[in-house]
Amino acid sequence: QVQLVESGGGLVQPGGSLRLSCAASRSISSFSVMGWYRQVPGKLRESVSITRGGSTNYADSVKGRFTISRDNAKNTVYLQMNSLKPEDTAVYYCNARTFPYGYWGQGTQVAVSS
Protein backbone atom coordinates (compact mmCIF):
# COMPACT_ATOMS: atom_id res chain seq x y z
CA GLN A 1 0.00 0.00 0.00
CA VAL A 2 1.14 3.50 -0.86
CA GLN A 3 -0.36 6.61 0.65
CA LEU A 4 0.18 10.19 -0.44
CA VAL A 5 -1.07 12.95 1.84
CA GLU A 6 -1.16 16.54 0.66
CA SER A 7 -1.22 19.50 2.99
CA GLY A 8 -0.56 23.22 2.99
CA GLY A 9 -3.50 24.46 1.00
CA GLY A 10 -5.66 27.34 2.06
CA LEU A 11 -6.91 30.79 1.21
CA VAL A 12 -4.41 33.37 0.06
CA GLN A 13 -4.65 36.79 -1.54
CA PRO A 14 -3.41 37.39 -5.08
CA GLY A 15 0.33 37.83 -5.04
CA GLY A 16 0.71 35.70 -1.95
CA SER A 17 2.51 32.40 -1.45
CA LEU A 18 1.79 28.89 -0.26
CA ARG A 19 3.89 25.79 0.10
CA LEU A 20 2.20 22.47 -0.52
CA SER A 21 3.56 19.24 0.91
CA CYS A 22 3.08 15.67 -0.25
CA ALA A 23 4.09 13.10 2.34
CA ALA A 24 4.53 9.56 1.05
CA SER A 25 4.29 6.37 3.06
CA ARG A 26 7.49 5.03 1.58
CA SER A 27 10.73 6.35 0.17
CA ILE A 28 10.06 8.80 -2.63
CA SER A 29 13.27 7.57 -4.22
CA SER A 30 11.35 4.45 -5.17
CA PHE A 31 9.15 6.45 -7.57
CA SER A 32 10.37 7.14 -11.06
CA VAL A 33 8.14 10.20 -11.42
CA MET A 34 6.44 12.48 -8.95
CA GLY A 35 4.45 15.57 -9.58
CA TRP A 36 1.70 17.99 -8.80
CA TYR A 37 -1.56 18.31 -10.67
CA ARG A 38 -4.55 20.57 -10.20
CA GLN A 39 -8.20 20.43 -11.09
CA VAL A 40 -11.02 22.93 -11.22
CA PRO A 41 -14.63 21.68 -11.16
CA GLY A 42 -15.78 20.96 -14.68
CA LYS A 43 -12.25 20.96 -16.06
CA LEU A 44 -9.65 18.30 -16.76
CA ARG A 45 -6.95 17.64 -14.25
CA GLU A 46 -3.79 19.28 -15.51
CA SER A 47 -0.13 18.82 -14.83
CA VAL A 48 1.49 21.62 -12.85
CA SER A 49 4.99 20.33 -12.19
CA ILE A 50 6.81 17.03 -12.61
CA THR A 51 10.12 15.81 -11.24
CA ARG A 52 12.10 12.88 -12.65
CA GLY A 53 15.36 12.20 -10.93
CA GLY A 54 17.17 15.48 -10.98
CA SER A 55 15.06 17.10 -13.66
CA THR A 56 11.94 19.23 -13.30
CA ASN A 57 9.23 20.43 -15.64
CA TYR A 58 6.57 23.08 -15.26
CA ALA A 59 3.42 24.06 -17.01
CA ASP A 60 3.83 27.31 -18.92
CA SER A 61 1.23 28.94 -16.73
CA VAL A 62 3.32 28.50 -13.58
CA LYS A 63 6.89 28.86 -14.85
CA GLY A 64 8.83 31.35 -12.82
CA ARG A 65 6.31 31.25 -9.99
CA PHE A 66 6.20 27.64 -8.78
CA THR A 67 9.05 25.40 -7.68
CA ILE A 68 8.96 21.67 -7.04
CA SER A 69 11.45 20.18 -4.60
CA ARG A 70 12.10 17.02 -2.62
CA ASP A 71 13.24 16.07 0.84
CA ASN A 72 14.12 12.41 0.52
CA ALA A 73 14.81 12.02 4.24
CA LYS A 74 11.24 13.10 5.00
CA ASN A 75 9.67 11.24 2.06
CA THR A 76 8.11 14.53 1.05
CA VAL A 77 7.70 16.49 -2.16
CA TYR A 78 6.93 20.19 -2.03
CA LEU A 79 5.41 22.73 -4.32
CA GLN A 80 6.36 26.29 -3.50
CA MET A 81 3.83 28.63 -5.07
CA ASN A 82 4.64 32.32 -5.30
CA SER A 83 2.90 35.26 -6.94
CA LEU A 84 -0.36 33.40 -6.81
CA LYS A 85 -3.16 34.39 -9.14
CA PRO A 86 -6.90 33.76 -8.96
CA GLU A 87 -6.43 31.40 -11.91
CA ASP A 88 -4.36 29.16 -9.63
CA THR A 89 -7.44 28.34 -7.57
CA ALA A 90 -7.94 24.58 -7.72
CA VAL A 91 -7.61 21.35 -5.82
CA TYR A 92 -3.98 20.32 -5.98
CA TYR A 93 -3.10 16.63 -6.12
CA CYS A 94 0.15 14.81 -5.57
CA ASN A 95 0.99 11.98 -7.97
CA ALA A 96 3.64 9.28 -7.82
CA ARG A 97 4.47 6.63 -10.39
CA THR A 98 6.66 3.58 -10.57
CA PHE A 99 5.80 1.42 -13.53
CA PRO A 100 3.23 -0.04 -13.81
CA TYR A 101 1.72 1.63 -10.74
CA GLY A 102 0.43 5.09 -10.13
CA TYR A 103 -0.88 6.75 -7.00
CA TRP A 104 -2.86 9.85 -6.10
CA GLY A 105 -3.34 11.78 -2.92
CA GLN A 106 -6.70 13.11 -1.78
CA GLY A 107 -5.92 16.67 -2.76
CA THR A 108 -5.62 19.98 -0.97
CA GLN A 109 -7.67 23.05 -1.79
CA VAL A 110 -5.96 26.26 -2.84
CA ALA A 111 -8.07 29.38 -3.15
CA VAL A 112 -6.61 32.65 -4.39
CA SER A 113 -8.99 35.50 -3.79
CA SER A 114 -9.06 39.04 -2.54
C-alpha atoms as a PDB file:
ATOM      1  CA  GLN A   1       0.000   0.000   0.000  1.00  0.00           C
ATOM      2  CA  VAL A   2       1.140   3.498  -0.855  1.00  0.00           C
ATOM      3  CA  GLN A   3      -0.358   6.610   0.649  1.00  0.00           C
ATOM      4  CA  LEU A   4       0.177  10.188  -0.443  1.00  0.00           C
ATOM      5  CA  VAL A   5      -1.071  12.946   1.837  1.00  0.00           C
ATOM      6  CA  GLU A   6      -1.163  16.537   0.659  1.00  0.00           C
ATOM      7  CA  SER A   7      -1.219  19.497   2.991  1.00  0.00           C
ATOM      8  CA  GLY A   8      -0.558  23.220   2.990  1.00  0.00           C
ATOM      9  CA  GLY A   9      -3.503  24.462   1.003  1.00  0.00           C
ATOM     10  CA  GLY A  10      -5.658  27.345   2.063  1.00  0.00           C
ATOM     11  CA  LEU A  11      -6.914  30.792   1.208  1.00  0.00           C
ATOM     12  CA  VAL A  12      -4.410  33.373   0.065  1.00  0.00           C
ATOM     13  CA  GLN A  13      -4.652  36.787  -1.541  1.00  0.00           C
ATOM     14  CA  PRO A  14      -3.412  37.390  -5.078  1.00  0.00           C
ATOM     15  CA  GLY A  15       0.332  37.834  -5.044  1.00  0.00           C
ATOM     16  CA  GLY A  16       0.714  35.696  -1.952  1.00  0.00           C
ATOM     17  CA  SER A  17       2.506  32.404  -1.451  1.00  0.00           C
ATOM     18  CA  LEU A  18       1.795  28.891  -0.263  1.00  0.00           C
ATOM     19  CA  ARG A  19       3.894  25.787   0.103  1.00  0.00           C
ATOM     20  CA  LEU A  20       2.197  22.473  -0.518  1.00  0.00           C
ATOM     21  CA  SER A  21       3.561  19.240   0.906  1.00  0.00           C
ATOM     22  CA  CYS A  22       3.081  15.672  -0.246  1.00  0.00           C
ATOM     23  CA  ALA A  23       4.088  13.104   2.343  1.00  0.00           C
ATOM     24  CA  ALA A  24       4.531   9.565   1.053  1.00  0.00           C
ATOM     25  CA  SER A  25       4.285   6.368   3.063  1.00  0.00           C
ATOM     26  CA  ARG A  26       7.490   5.028   1.575  1.00  0.00           C
ATOM     27  CA  SER A  27      10.728   6.346   0.175  1.00  0.00           C
ATOM     28  CA  ILE A  28      10.061   8.796  -2.628  1.00  0.00           C
ATOM     29  CA  SER A  29      13.270   7.569  -4.218  1.00  0.00           C
ATOM     30  CA  SER A  30      11.347   4.451  -5.173  1.00  0.00           C
ATOM     31  CA  PHE A  31       9.152   6.453  -7.566  1.00  0.00           C
ATOM     32  CA  SER A  32      10.374   7.144 -11.060  1.00  0.00           C
ATOM     33  CA  VAL A  33       8.142  10.200 -11.416  1.00  0.00           C
ATOM     34  CA  MET A  34       6.439  12.480  -8.946  1.00  0.00           C
ATOM     35  CA  GLY A  35       4.449  15.570  -9.579  1.00  0.00           C
ATOM     36  CA  TRP A  36       1.696  17.986  -8.796  1.00  0.00           C
ATOM     37  CA  TYR A  37      -1.564  18.310 -10.669  1.00  0.00           C
ATOM     38  CA  ARG A  38      -4.547  20.568 -10.199  1.00  0.00           C
ATOM     39  CA  GLN A  39      -8.196  20.432 -11.085  1.00  0.00           C
ATOM     40  CA  VAL A  40     -11.024  22.935 -11.218  1.00  0.00           C
ATOM     41  CA  PRO A  41     -14.628  21.683 -11.159  1.00  0.00           C
ATOM     42  CA  GLY A  42     -15.783  20.962 -14.680  1.00  0.00           C
ATOM     43  CA  LYS A  43     -12.246  20.961 -16.063  1.00  0.00           C
ATOM     44  CA  LEU A  44      -9.654  18.298 -16.756  1.00  0.00           C
ATOM     45  CA  ARG A  45      -6.947  17.635 -14.246  1.00  0.00           C
ATOM     46  CA  GLU A  46      -3.791  19.278 -15.511  1.00  0.00           C
ATOM     47  CA  SER A  47      -0.130  18.818 -14.830  1.00  0.00           C
ATOM     48  CA  VAL A  48       1.493  21.622 -12.849  1.00  0.00           C
ATOM     49  CA  SER A  49       4.993  20.331 -12.192  1.00  0.00           C
ATOM     50  CA  ILE A  50       6.814  17.028 -12.611  1.00  0.00           C
ATOM     51  CA  THR A  51      10.115  15.805 -11.245  1.00  0.00           C
ATOM     52  CA  ARG A  52      12.096  12.882 -12.654  1.00  0.00           C
ATOM     53  CA  GLY A  53      15.361  12.198 -10.929  1.00  0.00           C
ATOM     54  CA  GLY A  54      17.168  15.480 -10.975  1.00  0.00           C
ATOM     55  CA  SER A  55      15.055  17.100 -13.662  1.00  0.00           C
ATOM     56  CA  THR A  56      11.944  19.229 -13.295  1.00  0.00           C
ATOM     57  CA  ASN A  57       9.230  20.427 -15.637  1.00  0.00           C
ATOM     58  CA  TYR A  58       6.571  23.085 -15.258  1.00  0.00           C
ATOM     59  CA  ALA A  59       3.417  24.065 -17.009  1.00  0.00           C
ATOM     60  CA  ASP A  60       3.831  27.308 -18.923  1.00  0.00           C
ATOM     61  CA  SER A  61       1.226  28.943 -16.730  1.00  0.00           C
ATOM     62  CA  VAL A  62       3.325  28.505 -13.577  1.00  0.00           C
ATOM     63  CA  LYS A  63       6.892  28.855 -14.846  1.00  0.00           C
ATOM     64  CA  GLY A  64       8.831  31.353 -12.820  1.00  0.00           C
ATOM     65  CA  ARG A  65       6.309  31.249  -9.990  1.00  0.00           C
ATOM     66  CA  PHE A  66       6.200  27.637  -8.779  1.00  0.00           C
ATOM     67  CA  THR A  67       9.050  25.400  -7.677  1.00  0.00           C
ATOM     68  CA  ILE A  68       8.962  21.672  -7.039  1.00  0.00           C
ATOM     69  CA  SER A  69      11.449  20.179  -4.600  1.00  0.00           C
ATOM     70  CA  ARG A  70      12.097  17.023  -2.618  1.00  0.00           C
ATOM     71  CA  ASP A  71      13.242  16.073   0.837  1.00  0.00           C
ATOM     72  CA  ASN A  72      14.122  12.411   0.519  1.00  0.00           C
ATOM     73  CA  ALA A  73      14.807  12.017   4.237  1.00  0.00           C
ATOM     74  CA  LYS A  74      11.240  13.095   4.996  1.00  0.00           C
ATOM     75  CA  ASN A  75       9.670  11.244   2.059  1.00  0.00           C
ATOM     76  CA  THR A  76       8.114  14.530   1.052  1.00  0.00           C
ATOM     77  CA  VAL A  77       7.702  16.489  -2.161  1.00  0.00           C
ATOM     78  CA  TYR A  78       6.934  20.189  -2.030  1.00  0.00           C
ATOM     79  CA  LEU A  79       5.408  22.730  -4.324  1.00  0.00           C
ATOM     80  CA  GLN A  80       6.360  26.293  -3.500  1.00  0.00           C
ATOM     81  CA  MET A  81       3.831  28.627  -5.069  1.00  0.00           C
ATOM     82  CA  ASN A  82       4.637  32.319  -5.301  1.00  0.00           C
ATOM     83  CA  SER A  83       2.903  35.260  -6.938  1.00  0.00           C
ATOM     84  CA  LEU A  84      -0.362  33.398  -6.809  1.00  0.00           C
ATOM     85  CA  LYS A  85      -3.160  34.387  -9.139  1.00  0.00           C
ATOM     86  CA  PRO A  86      -6.905  33.760  -8.957  1.00  0.00           C
ATOM     87  CA  GLU A  87      -6.429  31.403 -11.906  1.00  0.00           C
ATOM     88  CA  ASP A  88      -4.361  29.160  -9.628  1.00  0.00           C
ATOM     89  CA  THR A  89      -7.439  28.344  -7.567  1.00  0.00           C
ATOM     90  CA  ALA A  90      -7.939  24.579  -7.718  1.00  0.00           C
ATOM     91  CA  VAL A  91      -7.611  21.353  -5.824  1.00  0.00           C
ATOM     92  CA  TYR A  92      -3.979  20.319  -5.985  1.00  0.00           C
ATOM     93  CA  TYR A  93      -3.095  16.629  -6.121  1.00  0.00           C
ATOM     94  CA  CYS A  94       0.146  14.805  -5.574  1.00  0.00           C
ATOM     95  CA  ASN A  95       0.988  11.981  -7.966  1.00  0.00           C
ATOM     96  CA  ALA A  96       3.639   9.283  -7.824  1.00  0.00           C
ATOM     97  CA  ARG A  97       4.470   6.625 -10.387  1.00  0.00           C
ATOM     98  CA  THR A  98       6.658   3.582 -10.570  1.00  0.00           C
ATOM     99  CA  PHE A  99       5.796   1.421 -13.526  1.00  0.00           C
ATOM    100  CA  PRO A 100       3.228  -0.036 -13.811  1.00  0.00           C
ATOM    101  CA  TYR A 101       1.718   1.626 -10.744  1.00  0.00           C
ATOM    102  CA  GLY A 102       0.430   5.093 -10.131  1.00  0.00           C
ATOM    103  CA  TYR A 103      -0.884   6.754  -6.998  1.00  0.00           C
ATOM    104  CA  TRP A 104      -2.863   9.852  -6.097  1.00  0.00           C
ATOM    105  CA  GLY A 105      -3.344  11.779  -2.916  1.00  0.00           C
ATOM    106  CA  GLN A 106      -6.697  13.109  -1.780  1.00  0.00           C
ATOM    107  CA  GLY A 107      -5.917  16.671  -2.757  1.00  0.00           C
ATOM    108  CA  THR A 108      -5.623  19.975  -0.968  1.00  0.00           C
ATOM    109  CA  GLN A 109      -7.673  23.055  -1.788  1.00  0.00           C
ATOM    110  CA  VAL A 110      -5.963  26.259  -2.841  1.00  0.00           C
ATOM    111  CA  ALA A 111      -8.074  29.382  -3.154  1.00  0.00           C
ATOM    112  CA  VAL A 112      -6.606  32.652  -4.386  1.00  0.00           C
ATOM    113  CA  SER A 113      -8.993  35.503  -3.793  1.00  0.00           C
ATOM    114  CA  SER A 114      -9.064  39.041  -2.543  1.00  0.00           C
END
